[in-house]
Amino acid sequence: MPECHNREFPAHAFLMMLVNDNPGIGQKELCEHLHLAPSTVTRFVDALVHKGYLTRLTEGKASKVYATKEGENLRKPIEDAWKSFHQRYAQVLGLKGGDKLTAMIDEASNRLSNQA
């Protein structure tokens, strides 16, 4: 997985979580969930395929994305990274502030998803 200091790490992590939770997800769906341009999602998928975390299978005209075993094994480290991130910003904002920020991010994500 990309190093944590890489600016694309959160998007790569979200992409991996989506693919792990939705095996065979299409690129269009990835774009909708991530709110990213198709070219950006293609670049991210290409990078993760190259690293051995994802694979693409063509089904008719559609290209479906699946996690490899190595990609499936990233689920726990990604979850641990998000928990660590939450703990760090909760230290800055306080536990209530950290929880409030998480709730606001979740709400914003849900609203954006409903617009797609």
Protein backbone atom coordinates (compact mmCIF):
# COMPACT_ATOMS: atom_id res chain seq x y z
CA MET A 1 0.00 0.00 0.00
CA PRO A 2 1.26 3.54 -0.57
CA GLU A 3 3.20 5.14 2.24
CA CYS A 4 1.13 7.19 4.67
CA HIS A 5 2.88 10.43 3.67
CA ASN A 6 1.68 9.94 0.09
CA ARG A 7 -1.13 12.40 -0.66
CA GLU A 8 -3.03 9.68 -2.55
CA PHE A 9 -3.02 7.24 0.38
CA PRO A 10 -6.56 8.06 1.60
CA ALA A 11 -8.03 7.64 -1.89
CA HIS A 12 -6.12 4.38 -2.40
CA ALA A 13 -7.34 3.14 0.98
CA PHE A 14 -10.96 4.09 0.24
CA LEU A 15 -10.69 2.39 -3.15
CA MET A 16 -9.34 -0.78 -1.52
CA MET A 17 -12.14 -0.76 1.06
CA LEU A 18 -14.75 -0.36 -1.69
CA VAL A 19 -13.31 -3.22 -3.74
CA ASN A 20 -12.98 -5.47 -0.69
CA ASP A 21 -16.59 -4.75 0.27
CA ASN A 22 -17.90 -4.99 -3.33
CA PRO A 23 -15.97 -7.65 -5.27
CA GLY A 24 -16.42 -7.12 -9.00
CA ILE A 25 -17.27 -3.45 -8.67
CA GLY A 26 -17.13 -1.51 -11.91
CA GLN A 27 -15.02 1.54 -12.53
CA LYS A 28 -18.10 3.76 -12.94
CA GLU A 29 -19.29 2.76 -9.46
CA LEU A 30 -15.83 3.45 -8.03
CA CYS A 31 -15.91 6.93 -9.58
CA GLU A 32 -19.36 7.59 -8.10
CA HIS A 33 -18.42 6.43 -4.61
CA LEU A 34 -15.06 8.21 -4.54
CA HIS A 35 -16.27 11.36 -6.33
CA LEU A 36 -13.22 11.21 -8.58
CA ALA A 37 -12.77 11.54 -12.34
CA PRO A 38 -12.58 8.30 -14.35
CA SER A 39 -8.97 9.06 -15.34
CA THR A 40 -7.99 9.42 -11.68
CA VAL A 41 -9.69 6.17 -10.69
CA THR A 42 -8.04 4.40 -13.64
CA ARG A 43 -4.65 5.68 -12.47
CA PHE A 44 -5.31 4.50 -8.89
CA VAL A 45 -6.55 1.08 -10.03
CA ASP A 46 -3.55 0.73 -12.38
CA ALA A 47 -1.17 1.51 -9.52
CA LEU A 48 -2.85 -1.00 -7.20
CA VAL A 49 -2.92 -3.67 -9.95
CA HIS A 50 0.79 -3.06 -10.50
CA LYS A 51 1.44 -3.53 -6.76
CA GLY A 52 -0.52 -6.79 -6.79
CA TYR A 53 -3.45 -5.64 -4.63
CA LEU A 54 -6.13 -5.59 -7.35
CA THR A 55 -6.96 -7.43 -10.52
CA ARG A 56 -9.26 -6.55 -13.41
CA LEU A 57 -11.48 -9.03 -15.20
CA THR A 58 -13.32 -8.16 -18.37
CA GLU A 59 -16.91 -9.34 -18.46
CA GLY A 60 -18.39 -8.46 -21.82
CA LYS A 61 -17.74 -4.77 -22.35
CA ALA A 62 -17.37 -4.09 -18.63
CA SER A 63 -14.20 -4.24 -16.62
CA LYS A 64 -14.70 -5.48 -13.07
CA VAL A 65 -12.23 -4.89 -10.25
CA TYR A 66 -11.42 -7.50 -7.60
CA ALA A 67 -9.00 -7.59 -4.69
CA THR A 68 -6.24 -10.16 -4.81
CA LYS A 69 -5.42 -12.15 -1.67
CA GLU A 70 -2.79 -9.49 -0.88
CA GLY A 71 -5.45 -6.80 -1.33
CA GLU A 72 -7.89 -8.63 0.93
CA ASN A 73 -5.14 -8.81 3.55
CA LEU A 74 -5.00 -4.99 3.60
CA ARG A 75 -8.44 -4.72 5.20
CA LYS A 76 -7.17 -4.89 8.81
CA PRO A 77 -4.16 -2.57 8.32
CA ILE A 78 -6.41 0.01 6.63
CA GLU A 79 -8.95 -0.21 9.46
CA ASP A 80 -6.12 0.14 11.99
CA ALA A 81 -4.77 3.20 10.13
CA TRP A 82 -8.19 4.90 10.21
CA LYS A 83 -8.53 4.16 13.94
CA SER A 84 -5.08 5.60 14.55
CA PHE A 85 -5.96 8.66 12.48
CA HIS A 86 -9.17 9.14 14.50
CA GLN A 87 -7.24 8.88 17.76
CA ARG A 88 -4.72 11.49 16.58
CA TYR A 89 -7.31 14.07 15.59
CA ALA A 90 -9.33 13.30 18.73
CA GLN A 91 -6.23 14.24 20.74
CA VAL A 92 -6.21 17.61 19.01
CA LEU A 93 -9.98 18.21 19.01
CA GLY A 94 -10.90 16.25 22.12
CA LEU A 95 -12.87 13.01 22.06
CA LYS A 96 -16.23 14.75 21.54
CA GLY A 97 -14.77 16.95 18.82
CA GLY A 98 -13.18 13.96 17.11
CA ASP A 99 -16.45 12.03 17.19
CA LYS A 100 -18.32 15.09 15.91
CA LEU A 101 -15.84 15.49 13.02
CA THR A 102 -16.25 11.80 12.13
CA ALA A 103 -20.04 12.15 12.17
CA MET A 104 -19.84 15.26 9.96
CA ILE A 105 -17.57 13.48 7.46
CA ASP A 106 -19.93 10.49 7.36
CA GLU A 107 -22.93 12.77 6.84
CA ALA A 108 -21.18 14.69 4.06
CA SER A 109 -20.18 11.43 2.38
CA ASN A 110 -23.76 10.15 2.52
CA ARG A 111 -25.11 13.39 1.07
CA LEU A 112 -22.57 13.32 -1.75
CA SER A 113 -23.40 9.67 -2.47
CA ASN A 114 -27.09 10.52 -2.72
CA GLN A 115 -26.32 13.22 -5.30
CA ALA A 116 -24.51 10.77 -7.61
